[in-house]
C-alpha cells in the first residue's frame, strides 16, 4: 500500500443560519436579532415582508445595537434562547 494520507474535509453541520440586525443588547450575554424575509405571495405575486425576533447568545458581549450579524441554530441555552451569534457582518453606523 502507499503511505499517502488523505485528509477528509470536515463535515459541515446542517444548521440554519440567518442574517439580521440587533435591536436590543440590554440582557447579559444575550442579544435580540430582528430577521426580515421578503418573499412573493403565493396567489398574487406581491412581495411581502415578514419579520421575526430571535434571542441569540453573545458570550463576550461584543455586539451592540444596530450591528448586522449572522446567527446560527444551536442547542437550547435557556427557555427562549437556542441561537448563537457566529459573526459580525456590518458594524452599526453612528448617527
N, C-alpha and C. Protein backbone atom coordinates (compact mmCIF):
# COMPACT_ATOMS: atom_id res chain seq x y z
N UNK A 1 0.83 -1.18 0.00
CA UNK A 1 0.00 0.00 0.00
C UNK A 1 0.88 1.25 0.00
N UNK A 2 0.30 2.35 -0.36
CA UNK A 2 1.05 3.59 -0.38
C UNK A 2 0.90 4.32 0.96
N UNK A 3 1.87 5.18 1.26
CA UNK A 3 1.86 5.91 2.51
C UNK A 3 1.22 7.29 2.37
N UNK A 4 0.36 7.46 1.41
CA UNK A 4 -0.28 8.75 1.17
C UNK A 4 -1.50 8.86 2.08
N UNK A 5 -1.54 9.94 2.85
CA UNK A 5 -2.68 10.17 3.72
C UNK A 5 -3.65 11.10 3.02
N UNK A 6 -4.89 10.78 3.09
CA UNK A 6 -5.91 11.66 2.53
C UNK A 6 -6.58 12.40 3.67
N UNK A 7 -6.65 13.69 3.55
CA UNK A 7 -7.30 14.49 4.58
C UNK A 7 -8.72 14.76 4.13
N UNK A 8 -9.64 14.21 4.85
CA UNK A 8 -11.05 14.42 4.52
C UNK A 8 -11.47 15.80 5.00
N UNK A 9 -12.31 16.43 4.22
CA UNK A 9 -12.83 17.74 4.59
C UNK A 9 -13.72 17.58 5.81
N UNK A 10 -13.70 18.54 6.74
CA UNK A 10 -14.56 18.42 7.92
C UNK A 10 -16.03 18.45 7.51
N UNK A 11 -16.81 17.59 8.13
CA UNK A 11 -18.23 17.51 7.81
C UNK A 11 -18.91 18.80 8.22
N UNK A 12 -19.63 19.41 7.31
CA UNK A 12 -20.34 20.65 7.59
C UNK A 12 -21.68 20.31 8.23
N UNK A 13 -21.95 20.95 9.34
CA UNK A 13 -23.22 20.72 10.02
C UNK A 13 -24.34 21.39 9.23
N UNK A 14 -25.46 20.75 9.21
CA UNK A 14 -26.62 21.32 8.54
C UNK A 14 -27.42 22.15 9.55
N UNK A 15 -26.92 23.34 9.84
CA UNK A 15 -27.62 24.21 10.78
C UNK A 15 -28.19 25.39 10.02
N UNK A 16 -29.30 25.88 10.51
CA UNK A 16 -29.91 27.05 9.90
C UNK A 16 -29.13 28.29 10.31
N UNK A 17 -28.94 29.21 9.38
CA UNK A 17 -28.31 30.49 9.68
C UNK A 17 -29.18 31.60 9.12
N UNK A 18 -29.22 32.70 9.85
CA UNK A 18 -29.95 33.89 9.42
C UNK A 18 -29.06 35.10 9.57
N UNK A 19 -29.37 36.14 8.82
CA UNK A 19 -28.68 37.42 8.95
C UNK A 19 -29.72 38.43 9.40
N UNK A 20 -29.40 39.18 10.46
CA UNK A 20 -30.35 40.15 10.97
C UNK A 20 -29.66 41.28 11.71
N UNK A 21 -30.47 42.25 12.14
CA UNK A 21 -29.97 43.43 12.84
C UNK A 21 -30.30 43.32 14.32
N UNK A 22 -29.33 43.68 15.16
CA UNK A 22 -29.55 43.63 16.61
C UNK A 22 -30.42 44.82 17.01
N UNK A 23 -31.54 44.52 17.68
CA UNK A 23 -32.46 45.57 18.11
C UNK A 23 -32.40 45.79 19.61
N UNK A 24 -31.76 44.86 20.36
CA UNK A 24 -31.63 45.04 21.80
C UNK A 24 -30.39 44.29 22.28
N UNK A 25 -29.63 44.95 23.17
CA UNK A 25 -28.47 44.30 23.79
C UNK A 25 -28.47 44.54 25.29
N UNK A 26 -29.65 44.68 25.88
CA UNK A 26 -29.77 45.02 27.29
C UNK A 26 -29.57 43.83 28.22
N UNK A 27 -29.80 42.62 27.74
CA UNK A 27 -29.66 41.44 28.59
C UNK A 27 -28.21 40.97 28.63
N UNK A 28 -27.84 40.33 29.72
CA UNK A 28 -26.48 39.83 29.87
C UNK A 28 -26.27 38.61 28.97
N UNK A 29 -25.24 38.65 28.14
CA UNK A 29 -24.85 37.57 27.24
C UNK A 29 -25.92 37.21 26.21
N UNK A 30 -26.88 38.11 25.98
CA UNK A 30 -27.96 37.85 25.04
C UNK A 30 -28.23 39.09 24.21
N UNK A 31 -28.44 38.89 22.92
CA UNK A 31 -28.87 39.98 22.04
C UNK A 31 -30.16 39.54 21.35
N UNK A 32 -31.00 40.51 21.02
CA UNK A 32 -32.22 40.24 20.27
C UNK A 32 -31.98 40.65 18.83
N UNK A 33 -32.16 39.70 17.91
CA UNK A 33 -31.86 39.93 16.49
C UNK A 33 -33.16 39.90 15.70
N UNK A 34 -33.39 40.95 14.91
CA UNK A 34 -34.57 41.04 14.04
C UNK A 34 -34.19 40.55 12.66
N UNK A 35 -34.82 39.47 12.22
CA UNK A 35 -34.56 38.89 10.90
C UNK A 35 -35.74 39.21 10.01
N UNK A 36 -35.47 39.84 8.87
CA UNK A 36 -36.53 40.19 7.92
C UNK A 36 -36.38 39.36 6.67
N UNK A 37 -37.49 38.78 6.23
CA UNK A 37 -37.51 38.00 4.99
C UNK A 37 -38.49 38.66 4.03
N UNK A 38 -38.20 38.56 2.75
CA UNK A 38 -39.10 39.06 1.73
C UNK A 38 -39.34 37.93 0.73
N UNK A 39 -40.61 37.61 0.51
CA UNK A 39 -40.93 36.61 -0.50
C UNK A 39 -42.25 36.94 -1.16
N UNK A 40 -42.50 36.30 -2.28
CA UNK A 40 -43.69 36.59 -3.07
C UNK A 40 -44.90 35.87 -2.49
N UNK A 41 -46.05 36.54 -2.53
CA UNK A 41 -47.30 35.94 -2.12
C UNK A 41 -47.64 34.81 -3.08
N UNK A 42 -48.18 33.70 -2.56
CA UNK A 42 -48.41 32.53 -3.39
C UNK A 42 -49.39 32.79 -4.53
N UNK A 43 -50.46 33.52 -4.25
CA UNK A 43 -51.51 33.73 -5.25
C UNK A 43 -51.31 35.00 -6.06
N UNK A 44 -50.98 36.10 -5.38
CA UNK A 44 -50.96 37.39 -6.05
C UNK A 44 -49.58 37.81 -6.54
N UNK A 45 -48.54 37.20 -6.03
CA UNK A 45 -47.20 37.51 -6.51
C UNK A 45 -46.58 38.77 -5.94
N UNK A 46 -47.31 39.48 -5.06
CA UNK A 46 -46.76 40.70 -4.47
C UNK A 46 -45.68 40.33 -3.46
N UNK A 47 -44.63 41.15 -3.39
CA UNK A 47 -43.55 40.92 -2.43
C UNK A 47 -44.04 41.33 -1.05
N UNK A 48 -43.98 40.40 -0.11
CA UNK A 48 -44.45 40.63 1.25
C UNK A 48 -43.27 40.47 2.19
N UNK A 49 -43.15 41.38 3.15
CA UNK A 49 -42.07 41.33 4.13
C UNK A 49 -42.57 40.66 5.40
N UNK A 50 -41.78 39.70 5.90
CA UNK A 50 -42.06 39.03 7.16
C UNK A 50 -40.86 39.27 8.08
N UNK A 51 -41.12 39.46 9.36
CA UNK A 51 -40.01 39.66 10.29
C UNK A 51 -40.25 38.84 11.55
N UNK A 52 -39.14 38.48 12.20
CA UNK A 52 -39.22 37.73 13.44
C UNK A 52 -37.99 38.04 14.28
N UNK A 53 -38.18 38.04 15.60
CA UNK A 53 -37.07 38.30 16.51
C UNK A 53 -36.58 37.01 17.14
N UNK A 54 -35.26 36.89 17.24
CA UNK A 54 -34.64 35.73 17.86
C UNK A 54 -33.72 36.21 18.97
N UNK A 55 -33.68 35.47 20.08
CA UNK A 55 -32.71 35.73 21.15
C UNK A 55 -31.48 34.89 20.84
N UNK A 56 -30.32 35.54 20.76
CA UNK A 56 -29.08 34.85 20.41
C UNK A 56 -28.05 35.04 21.51
N UNK A 57 -27.22 34.04 21.68
CA UNK A 57 -26.19 34.03 22.73
C UNK A 57 -24.97 34.83 22.27
N UNK A 58 -24.53 35.75 23.11
CA UNK A 58 -23.34 36.58 22.87
C UNK A 58 -22.47 36.48 24.11
N UNK A 59 -21.56 35.53 24.12
CA UNK A 59 -20.78 35.21 25.33
C UNK A 59 -20.00 36.40 25.87
N UNK A 60 -19.30 37.14 25.01
CA UNK A 60 -18.42 38.21 25.45
C UNK A 60 -19.10 39.58 25.51
N UNK A 61 -20.30 39.69 25.00
CA UNK A 61 -20.99 40.97 24.99
C UNK A 61 -20.37 41.97 24.03
N UNK A 62 -19.82 41.49 22.92
CA UNK A 62 -19.10 42.36 22.00
C UNK A 62 -19.98 42.98 20.92
N UNK A 63 -21.20 42.50 20.72
CA UNK A 63 -22.08 43.03 19.68
C UNK A 63 -23.04 44.05 20.29
N UNK A 64 -23.24 45.14 19.58
CA UNK A 64 -24.06 46.24 20.09
C UNK A 64 -25.28 46.46 19.21
N UNK A 65 -26.19 47.30 19.70
CA UNK A 65 -27.42 47.59 18.99
C UNK A 65 -27.13 48.23 17.63
N UNK A 66 -27.79 47.75 16.59
CA UNK A 66 -27.61 48.28 15.25
C UNK A 66 -26.65 47.47 14.40
N UNK A 67 -25.87 46.58 15.00
CA UNK A 67 -24.95 45.73 14.23
C UNK A 67 -25.73 44.71 13.41
N UNK A 68 -25.21 44.39 12.23
CA UNK A 68 -25.78 43.33 11.41
C UNK A 68 -24.92 42.09 11.66
N UNK A 69 -25.56 41.01 12.11
CA UNK A 69 -24.83 39.80 12.49
C UNK A 69 -25.46 38.58 11.84
N UNK A 70 -24.69 37.49 11.85
CA UNK A 70 -25.19 36.20 11.40
C UNK A 70 -25.40 35.35 12.65
N UNK A 71 -26.57 34.68 12.72
CA UNK A 71 -26.85 33.80 13.85
C UNK A 71 -27.04 32.39 13.32
N UNK A 72 -26.66 31.41 14.12
CA UNK A 72 -26.79 30.01 13.75
C UNK A 72 -27.54 29.26 14.85
N UNK A 73 -28.29 28.27 14.45
CA UNK A 73 -29.05 27.48 15.39
C UNK A 73 -28.12 26.55 16.16
N UNK A 74 -28.39 26.40 17.44
CA UNK A 74 -27.57 25.53 18.27
C UNK A 74 -28.42 24.83 19.30
N UNK A 75 -27.77 24.31 20.32
CA UNK A 75 -28.51 23.63 21.38
C UNK A 75 -29.26 24.66 22.23
N UNK A 76 -30.34 24.28 22.88
CA UNK A 76 -31.05 25.21 23.76
C UNK A 76 -30.17 25.66 24.92
N UNK A 77 -30.04 26.97 25.07
CA UNK A 77 -29.22 27.54 26.13
C UNK A 77 -30.11 27.96 27.30
N UNK A 78 -31.30 28.45 27.00
CA UNK A 78 -32.27 28.80 28.03
C UNK A 78 -33.66 28.55 27.46
N UNK A 79 -34.67 29.03 28.16
CA UNK A 79 -36.05 28.80 27.73
C UNK A 79 -36.32 29.41 26.36
N UNK A 80 -35.80 30.60 26.10
CA UNK A 80 -36.08 31.30 24.84
C UNK A 80 -34.89 31.40 23.91
N UNK A 81 -33.74 30.89 24.32
CA UNK A 81 -32.51 31.13 23.55
C UNK A 81 -31.90 29.83 23.05
N UNK A 82 -31.92 29.65 21.72
CA UNK A 82 -31.26 28.48 21.13
C UNK A 82 -30.50 28.89 19.86
N UNK A 83 -30.10 30.14 19.76
CA UNK A 83 -29.32 30.66 18.65
C UNK A 83 -28.04 31.27 19.18
N UNK A 84 -26.98 31.24 18.35
CA UNK A 84 -25.68 31.77 18.75
C UNK A 84 -25.21 32.73 17.67
N UNK A 85 -24.69 33.88 18.07
CA UNK A 85 -24.12 34.83 17.10
C UNK A 85 -22.81 34.25 16.62
N UNK A 86 -22.68 34.09 15.28
CA UNK A 86 -21.47 33.47 14.73
C UNK A 86 -20.48 34.50 14.21
N UNK A 87 -20.96 35.58 13.60
CA UNK A 87 -20.01 36.56 13.08
C UNK A 87 -20.68 37.91 12.88
N UNK A 88 -19.84 38.94 12.86
CA UNK A 88 -20.29 40.30 12.62
C UNK A 88 -20.19 40.57 11.13
N UNK A 89 -21.26 41.06 10.54
CA UNK A 89 -21.26 41.37 9.11
C UNK A 89 -21.03 42.86 8.88
N UNK A 90 -21.74 43.69 9.65
CA UNK A 90 -21.60 45.13 9.48
C UNK A 90 -21.74 45.81 10.83
N UNK A 91 -20.82 46.71 11.13
CA UNK A 91 -20.87 47.45 12.38
C UNK A 91 -21.95 48.53 12.28
N UNK A 92 -22.55 48.89 13.41
CA UNK A 92 -23.57 49.92 13.43
C UNK A 92 -22.99 51.26 13.04
N UNK A 93 -23.76 52.05 12.28
CA UNK A 93 -23.33 53.38 11.88
C UNK A 93 -23.68 54.39 12.97
N UNK A 94 -22.78 55.32 13.23
CA UNK A 94 -23.05 56.37 14.19
C UNK A 94 -23.95 57.41 13.56
N UNK A 95 -24.92 57.86 14.33
CA UNK A 95 -25.87 58.85 13.81
C UNK A 95 -25.51 60.21 14.29
